[in-house]
């Protein structure tokens, strides 16, 4: 009788350990998916930051050219 109880307890422990292993595998898979998503989002963010920087540089260049043209027009007006 005692052996049956011990075996029953071992079986219960084995089932719990197997369930824990399954849960751990599920969490590992989820963790990998989330890491990939983070990497993808970081790359997307970096692309947007670069695009924003390019836009700012282009805007500054256009502003500079407009200012130059306005100065030339002012010079023509004064001449």
Protein backbone atom coordinates (compact mmCIF):
# COMPACT_ATOMS: atom_id res chain seq x y z
CA UNK A 1 0.00 0.00 0.00
CA UNK A 2 2.79 2.37 0.90
CA UNK A 3 4.56 1.65 -2.39
CA UNK A 4 1.39 2.48 -4.31
CA UNK A 5 1.12 5.84 -2.57
CA UNK A 6 4.77 6.59 -3.26
CA UNK A 7 4.37 5.60 -6.91
CA UNK A 8 1.21 7.68 -7.16
CA UNK A 9 3.02 10.69 -5.71
CA UNK A 10 5.92 10.21 -8.14
CA UNK A 11 3.47 10.05 -11.04
CA UNK A 12 1.82 13.26 -9.84
CA UNK A 13 5.23 14.91 -9.55
CA UNK A 14 6.22 13.69 -13.03
CA UNK A 15 3.02 15.10 -14.52
CA UNK A 16 3.62 18.45 -12.83
CA UNK A 17 7.22 18.52 -14.05
CA UNK A 18 6.11 17.70 -17.61
CA UNK A 19 3.52 20.49 -17.43
CA UNK A 20 6.19 22.91 -16.20
CA UNK A 21 8.46 21.90 -19.08
CA UNK A 22 5.63 22.55 -21.54
CA UNK A 23 4.95 25.93 -19.99
CA UNK A 24 8.66 26.81 -20.15
CA UNK A 25 8.81 25.84 -23.83
CA UNK A 26 5.75 27.96 -24.53
CA UNK A 27 7.32 30.92 -22.73
CA UNK A 28 10.59 30.43 -24.62
CA UNK A 29 8.73 30.50 -27.93
CA UNK A 30 6.79 33.58 -26.90
CA UNK A 31 9.99 35.22 -25.71
CA UNK A 32 11.70 34.60 -29.06
CA UNK A 33 8.71 36.01 -30.92
CA UNK A 34 8.70 39.11 -28.74
CA UNK A 35 12.46 39.60 -29.19
CA UNK A 36 11.99 39.42 -32.96
CA UNK A 37 9.14 41.90 -32.78
CA UNK A 38 11.28 44.27 -30.69
CA UNK A 39 14.10 43.99 -33.22
CA UNK A 40 11.71 44.68 -36.10
CA UNK A 41 10.21 47.69 -34.31
CA UNK A 42 13.67 49.06 -33.48
CA UNK A 43 14.67 48.76 -37.14
CA UNK A 44 11.45 50.46 -38.21
CA UNK A 45 12.02 53.23 -35.68
CA UNK A 46 15.61 53.69 -36.89
CA UNK A 47 14.33 54.00 -40.45
CA UNK A 48 11.83 56.63 -39.39
CA UNK A 49 14.49 58.54 -37.46
CA UNK A 50 16.73 58.54 -40.53
CA UNK A 51 13.84 59.67 -42.73
CA UNK A 52 13.05 62.47 -40.28
CA UNK A 53 16.70 63.56 -40.23
CA UNK A 54 16.80 63.57 -44.02
CA UNK A 55 13.60 65.61 -44.09
CA UNK A 56 15.06 68.12 -41.63
CA UNK A 57 18.24 68.45 -43.72
CA UNK A 58 16.21 68.88 -46.90
CA UNK A 59 14.02 71.49 -45.22
CA UNK A 60 17.11 73.40 -44.03
CA UNK A 61 18.60 73.29 -47.54
CA UNK A 62 15.37 74.59 -49.08
CA UNK A 63 15.15 77.33 -46.42
CA UNK A 64 18.74 78.33 -47.20
CA UNK A 65 18.06 78.51 -50.94
CA UNK A 66 14.92 80.59 -50.36
CA UNK A 67 16.85 82.96 -48.10
CA UNK A 68 19.55 83.30 -50.76
CA UNK A 69 16.95 84.07 -53.42
CA UNK A 70 15.29 86.64 -51.16
CA UNK A 71 18.64 88.36 -50.59
CA UNK A 72 19.27 88.43 -54.34
CA UNK A 73 15.81 89.89 -54.94
CA UNK A 74 16.45 92.49 -52.26
CA UNK A 75 19.77 93.37 -53.92
CA UNK A 76 18.04 93.74 -57.30
CA UNK A 77 15.33 95.91 -55.74
CA UNK A 78 17.92 98.19 -54.15
CA UNK A 79 19.98 98.47 -57.31
